[in-house]
Amino acid sequence: MAVFQISFYSTSLHRNTDVTAVVPAGGPVFPIPGQEAAPKGPLRLLILLHGYSGYHADWLRGSSLDQLATMHHMAIFCPSCENSFYIDDVKRDAFYEQYICKEIPKFAREVFHISDKVEDTFIGGLSMGGYGAIRNGLKNPDVFGGILAFSSAVITDGLSHMPDEPQPAPAGQGGGGMGMSMSYFIHTFGKPSQIEGSDVDPKALARKLVESGGPRPKFYMACGSEDFLIENNRALHNYFVEVGLEHYYVEGHGTHSWEYWNKHITDSLNWIDGKLETKSE
């Protein structure tokens, strides 16, 4: 197992950027009884996204990525994408979608022995990163064969009902109910009146994908029943059921915490590999 702290110039962001990469390397000298032989061939790729105010090392510090990468024959790349919600920021000439959906997979494959097959390429994330995984995974089914979303900040429904111009907020409260200002949300998602049906709206992307009749990514979605984002996740899950987007959805006891996310990054990779008994919605 090798952990890399990578810095490279991103043409999508027009600056140097940092990535933590966890890559299986080597293995035990002696075979362990009952342990499966390590798979051969190119590694699979998981691009794993941090939450709001996070950075590239969060997943390495908060979860068991080093073990999971080896167990699942997978290179895991964790980029830093600021508080972008993983949406292209045209005003700042910072193309975050392009960065995670095109540039990182290309870079990873040039540097490491990684598969270029869609079915071997996954995107996942927590909170803001969960939204980024859902939005970019649904929008780019030709890139990602799987989506893993935990405690996702799927807040576009609420934002779409707010005024197009920022309004004064009560002290200590920002727009959108997450402690950020409406100016920030408008800069990130666009005018609220234009969100519904756009390419930042997960519901619109899900409907479009179903109607296209094309391949759909495997989809694991989880949120703790005590998480402040639970109602948002339930509503999106119900919409996916309504339009016929196949996915696995699970709640269970949990808050917006690493205890919950570490459990479900483990469960989701087992689910991807058919090692977790589940029933798809």
Protein backbone atom coordinates (compact mmCIF):
# COMPACT_ATOMS: atom_id res chain seq x y z
CA MET A 1 0.00 0.00 0.00
CA ALA A 2 1.31 3.43 -0.94
CA VAL A 3 -0.05 6.86 -0.07
CA PHE A 4 0.91 9.74 -2.35
CA GLN A 5 0.52 13.47 -1.75
CA ILE A 6 0.46 14.73 -5.33
CA SER A 7 0.73 18.30 -6.56
CA PHE A 8 0.28 19.03 -10.23
CA TYR A 9 -0.76 21.89 -12.48
CA SER A 10 -4.42 21.66 -13.45
CA THR A 11 -5.38 23.10 -16.80
CA SER A 12 -9.02 23.03 -15.65
CA LEU A 13 -8.37 25.18 -12.58
CA HIS A 14 -5.39 27.14 -13.96
CA ARG A 15 -3.29 26.56 -10.87
CA ASN A 16 -1.35 23.96 -8.93
CA THR A 17 -3.66 21.59 -7.08
CA ASP A 18 -3.24 18.89 -4.44
CA VAL A 19 -4.51 15.31 -4.45
CA THR A 20 -4.13 12.46 -1.97
CA ALA A 21 -3.86 9.12 -3.77
CA VAL A 22 -4.08 5.74 -2.04
CA VAL A 23 -2.72 3.05 -4.36
CA PRO A 24 -2.30 -0.68 -3.67
CA ALA A 25 1.35 -1.69 -3.95
CA GLY A 26 2.89 -4.99 -3.01
CA GLY A 27 1.28 -7.37 -0.55
CA PRO A 28 1.98 -9.86 2.25
CA VAL A 29 5.08 -12.00 1.91
CA PHE A 30 3.21 -15.09 3.12
CA PRO A 31 -0.35 -16.00 2.06
CA ILE A 32 -2.98 -15.56 4.76
CA PRO A 33 -5.35 -18.56 5.20
CA GLY A 34 -8.82 -17.74 3.92
CA GLN A 35 -7.73 -14.53 2.20
CA GLU A 36 -8.56 -14.23 -1.48
CA ALA A 37 -5.68 -13.89 -3.89
CA ALA A 38 -5.06 -10.32 -5.01
CA PRO A 39 -6.77 -9.58 -8.36
CA LYS A 40 -4.50 -9.14 -11.36
CA GLY A 41 -4.67 -6.51 -14.06
CA PRO A 42 -5.22 -2.75 -13.95
CA LEU A 43 -6.54 -1.14 -10.80
CA ARG A 44 -10.03 0.31 -10.65
CA LEU A 45 -10.37 4.03 -9.93
CA LEU A 46 -12.46 5.80 -7.27
CA ILE A 47 -12.50 9.60 -7.15
CA LEU A 48 -13.59 10.44 -3.60
CA LEU A 49 -14.80 13.95 -2.76
CA HIS A 50 -14.60 15.91 0.51
CA GLY A 51 -17.30 17.97 2.18
CA TYR A 52 -17.77 21.71 2.61
CA SER A 53 -14.66 23.35 4.18
CA GLY A 54 -12.71 20.11 3.65
CA TYR A 55 -9.61 19.22 1.63
CA HIS A 56 -7.83 16.34 -0.06
CA ALA A 57 -6.57 14.55 3.10
CA ASP A 58 -9.94 14.35 4.89
CA TRP A 59 -10.86 10.85 3.72
CA LEU A 60 -7.41 9.47 4.51
CA ARG A 61 -7.60 10.83 8.06
CA GLY A 62 -11.22 9.97 8.74
CA SER A 63 -11.62 6.50 7.22
CA SER A 64 -9.92 3.20 6.41
CA LEU A 65 -8.95 4.01 2.82
CA ASP A 66 -5.59 2.27 3.01
CA GLN A 67 -7.23 -1.06 3.81
CA LEU A 68 -10.14 -0.60 1.42
CA ALA A 69 -7.92 0.22 -1.57
CA THR A 70 -6.08 -3.08 -1.21
CA MET A 71 -9.20 -5.13 -0.45
CA HIS A 72 -10.99 -3.82 -3.55
CA HIS A 73 -8.06 -3.54 -5.98
CA MET A 74 -8.72 0.16 -6.34
CA ALA A 75 -6.71 3.35 -6.62
CA ILE A 76 -8.50 6.07 -4.64
CA PHE A 77 -7.89 9.71 -5.62
CA CYS A 78 -9.05 12.47 -3.26
CA PRO A 79 -8.80 15.98 -4.75
CA SER A 80 -9.13 19.38 -3.10
CA CYS A 81 -11.94 21.36 -4.71
CA GLU A 82 -12.56 24.15 -2.21
CA ASN A 83 -16.26 24.91 -1.52
CA SER A 84 -17.21 24.52 -5.17
CA PHE A 85 -19.91 21.83 -4.88
CA TYR A 86 -17.90 20.35 -7.78
CA ILE A 87 -19.62 22.61 -10.29
CA ASP A 88 -17.77 24.61 -12.95
CA ASP A 89 -17.23 28.19 -11.79
CA VAL A 90 -17.26 30.10 -15.06
CA LYS A 91 -16.84 33.49 -13.37
CA ARG A 92 -13.56 32.36 -11.80
CA ASP A 93 -12.45 30.31 -14.81
CA ALA A 94 -12.28 27.26 -12.50
CA PHE A 95 -13.83 24.19 -14.12
CA TYR A 96 -14.31 21.75 -11.27
CA GLU A 97 -16.53 19.31 -13.16
CA GLN A 98 -13.96 19.05 -15.91
CA TYR A 99 -11.22 18.63 -13.31
CA ILE A 100 -12.79 15.64 -11.53
CA CYS A 101 -14.51 14.01 -14.52
CA LYS A 102 -11.77 14.34 -17.14
CA GLU A 103 -8.47 15.67 -15.86
CA ILE A 104 -8.01 13.50 -12.76
CA PRO A 105 -8.92 10.21 -14.51
CA LYS A 106 -6.52 11.08 -17.35
CA PHE A 107 -3.73 12.02 -14.94
CA ALA A 108 -4.28 8.91 -12.79
CA ARG A 109 -4.08 6.59 -15.79
CA GLU A 110 -0.96 8.24 -17.13
CA VAL A 111 0.87 7.82 -13.81
CA PHE A 112 -0.51 4.49 -12.50
CA HIS A 113 -1.66 1.19 -14.00
CA ILE A 114 -5.38 2.02 -13.88
CA SER A 115 -8.23 0.69 -16.00
CA ASP A 116 -9.88 3.02 -18.51
CA LYS A 117 -13.14 1.07 -18.51
CA VAL A 118 -16.32 2.88 -17.40
CA GLU A 119 -17.37 -0.07 -15.25
CA ASP A 120 -14.07 0.24 -13.34
CA THR A 121 -14.42 3.98 -12.67
CA PHE A 122 -16.35 5.35 -9.68
CA ILE A 123 -17.13 8.66 -8.02
CA GLY A 124 -18.09 9.11 -4.38
CA GLY A 125 -18.26 11.68 -1.65
CA LEU A 126 -19.70 12.93 1.63
CA SER A 127 -22.00 15.91 2.24
CA MET A 128 -21.02 18.52 -0.38
CA GLY A 129 -18.99 15.74 -1.99
CA GLY A 130 -22.06 13.49 -1.96
CA TYR A 131 -23.89 16.10 -4.00
CA GLY A 132 -20.85 16.35 -6.29
CA ALA A 133 -20.81 12.57 -6.77
CA ILE A 134 -24.54 12.40 -7.54
CA ARG A 135 -24.58 15.41 -9.84
CA ASN A 136 -21.44 14.56 -11.81
CA GLY A 137 -22.07 10.81 -11.80
CA LEU A 138 -25.58 11.20 -13.23
CA LYS A 139 -24.39 13.81 -15.73
CA ASN A 140 -21.41 11.74 -16.92
CA PRO A 141 -22.52 8.09 -17.18
CA ASP A 142 -19.98 7.68 -19.98
CA VAL A 143 -17.22 8.32 -17.41
CA PHE A 144 -18.46 6.72 -14.18
CA GLY A 145 -19.84 3.22 -13.75
CA GLY A 146 -20.72 3.77 -10.09
CA ILE A 147 -21.83 6.49 -7.66
CA LEU A 148 -21.31 6.34 -3.88
CA ALA A 149 -23.04 9.16 -1.98
CA PHE A 150 -23.08 9.65 1.79
CA SER A 151 -25.05 12.29 3.75
CA SER A 152 -25.36 14.20 0.51
CA ALA A 153 -25.99 17.95 0.55
CA VAL A 154 -28.76 17.71 -2.04
CA ILE A 155 -30.11 21.16 -1.28
CA THR A 156 -31.15 22.41 -4.70
CA ASP A 157 -34.89 21.95 -4.07
CA GLY A 158 -34.76 24.33 -1.13
CA LEU A 159 -32.54 26.81 -2.93
CA SER A 160 -34.81 26.91 -5.98
CA HIS A 161 -37.60 28.49 -3.91
CA MET A 162 -35.49 31.37 -2.68
CA PRO A 163 -35.30 34.90 -4.17
CA ASP A 164 -32.96 35.53 -7.09
CA GLU A 165 -31.40 38.45 -5.23
CA PRO A 166 -29.68 37.94 -1.85
CA GLN A 167 -31.82 38.97 1.11
CA PRO A 168 -30.58 39.98 4.58
CA ALA A 169 -30.47 36.92 6.84
CA PRO A 170 -30.98 36.82 10.62
CA ALA A 171 -27.80 37.01 12.65
CA GLY A 172 -25.92 33.72 12.56
CA GLN A 173 -28.06 32.28 9.77
CA GLY A 174 -27.04 32.04 6.13
CA GLY A 175 -29.11 31.19 3.11
CA GLY A 176 -30.05 27.61 2.38
CA GLY A 177 -30.04 26.50 6.01
CA MET A 178 -26.38 25.42 5.99
CA GLY A 179 -24.80 28.53 7.46
CA MET A 180 -23.62 30.01 4.15
CA SER A 181 -24.87 33.20 2.54
CA MET A 182 -27.30 33.31 -0.37
CA SER A 183 -24.68 35.25 -2.33
CA TYR A 184 -22.47 32.17 -2.09
CA PHE A 185 -25.24 29.83 -3.23
CA ILE A 186 -26.21 32.09 -6.13
CA HIS A 187 -22.59 32.30 -7.25
CA THR A 188 -22.26 28.50 -7.03
CA PHE A 189 -25.60 27.26 -8.39
CA GLY A 190 -26.90 30.26 -10.35
CA LYS A 191 -30.13 32.14 -9.82
CA PRO A 192 -32.60 30.10 -7.74
CA SER A 193 -35.36 30.53 -10.34
CA GLN A 194 -33.13 28.79 -12.89
CA ILE A 195 -32.03 25.79 -10.79
CA GLU A 196 -35.02 23.51 -11.37
CA GLY A 197 -34.51 21.52 -14.56
CA SER A 198 -30.90 22.66 -15.00
CA ASP A 199 -27.73 20.59 -14.91
CA VAL A 200 -27.20 21.38 -11.22
CA ASP A 201 -30.56 19.78 -10.37
CA PRO A 202 -30.09 16.05 -9.50
CA LYS A 203 -33.76 15.35 -10.18
CA ALA A 204 -33.53 16.73 -13.72
CA LEU A 205 -30.34 14.76 -14.36
CA ALA A 206 -31.93 11.55 -13.06
CA ARG A 207 -35.02 12.01 -15.23
CA LYS A 208 -32.87 12.75 -18.28
CA LEU A 209 -30.74 9.66 -17.68
CA VAL A 210 -33.77 7.39 -17.33
CA GLU A 211 -35.42 8.86 -20.44
CA SER A 212 -32.23 8.42 -22.47
CA GLY A 213 -32.44 4.65 -22.12
CA GLY A 214 -28.66 4.52 -21.90
CA PRO A 215 -26.39 2.78 -19.38
CA ARG A 216 -26.83 3.84 -15.76
CA PRO A 217 -24.15 3.80 -13.05
CA LYS A 218 -24.48 1.50 -10.07
CA PHE A 219 -25.72 3.76 -7.30
CA TYR A 220 -25.28 3.46 -3.51
CA MET A 221 -26.84 6.25 -1.42
CA ALA A 222 -26.79 6.48 2.39
CA CYS A 223 -27.74 9.00 5.05
CA GLY A 224 -28.01 8.68 8.82
CA SER A 225 -31.47 8.94 10.34
CA GLU A 226 -30.20 11.63 12.78
CA ASP A 227 -28.40 13.62 10.08
CA PHE A 228 -29.64 17.17 9.47
CA LEU A 229 -29.74 16.34 5.74
CA ILE A 230 -31.94 13.26 6.11
CA GLU A 231 -35.14 14.81 4.73
CA ASN A 232 -33.28 16.06 1.65
CA ASN A 233 -31.91 12.58 1.01
CA ARG A 234 -35.26 10.87 1.58
CA ALA A 235 -36.94 13.25 -0.86
CA LEU A 236 -34.34 12.56 -3.55
CA HIS A 237 -34.53 8.82 -2.93
CA ASN A 238 -38.32 8.94 -3.32
CA TYR A 239 -37.97 10.87 -6.55
CA PHE A 240 -35.52 8.31 -7.93
CA VAL A 241 -38.07 5.58 -7.13
CA GLU A 242 -40.79 7.62 -8.84
CA VAL A 243 -38.86 8.06 -12.12
CA GLY A 244 -37.44 4.53 -12.09
CA LEU A 245 -33.77 5.23 -11.41
CA GLU A 246 -32.42 2.03 -9.88
CA HIS A 247 -30.32 2.63 -6.77
CA TYR A 248 -29.64 1.21 -3.33
CA TYR A 249 -30.69 3.52 -0.50
CA VAL A 250 -29.97 2.95 3.18
CA GLU A 251 -30.45 5.02 6.33
CA GLY A 252 -29.88 3.48 9.74
CA HIS A 253 -28.73 5.17 12.93
CA GLY A 254 -26.14 7.87 12.31
CA THR A 255 -25.24 11.54 12.30
CA HIS A 256 -23.16 13.75 10.01
CA SER A 257 -19.98 12.05 11.20
CA TRP A 258 -16.95 10.01 10.24
CA GLU A 259 -18.31 7.05 12.17
CA TYR A 260 -21.20 6.87 9.71
CA TRP A 261 -19.14 7.67 6.58
CA ASN A 262 -16.43 5.12 7.38
CA LYS A 263 -19.08 2.42 7.81
CA HIS A 264 -20.71 3.25 4.50
CA ILE A 265 -17.60 3.69 2.39
CA THR A 266 -16.81 0.14 3.55
CA ASP A 267 -20.33 -1.17 2.91
CA SER A 268 -20.64 0.58 -0.45
CA LEU A 269 -17.45 -0.97 -1.83
CA ASN A 270 -18.56 -4.38 -0.60
CA TRP A 271 -21.90 -3.72 -2.33
CA ILE A 272 -20.14 -2.78 -5.58
CA ASP A 273 -18.27 -6.08 -5.40
CA GLY A 274 -21.37 -8.13 -4.55
CA LYS A 275 -20.15 -8.90 -1.02
CA LEU A 276 -22.95 -7.12 0.83
CA GLU A 277 -26.44 -8.56 0.93
CA THR A 278 -28.76 -5.75 -0.11
CA LYS A 279 -31.96 -5.20 -2.00
CA SER A 280 -31.94 -2.44 -4.60
CA GLU A 281 -34.75 0.11 -4.62
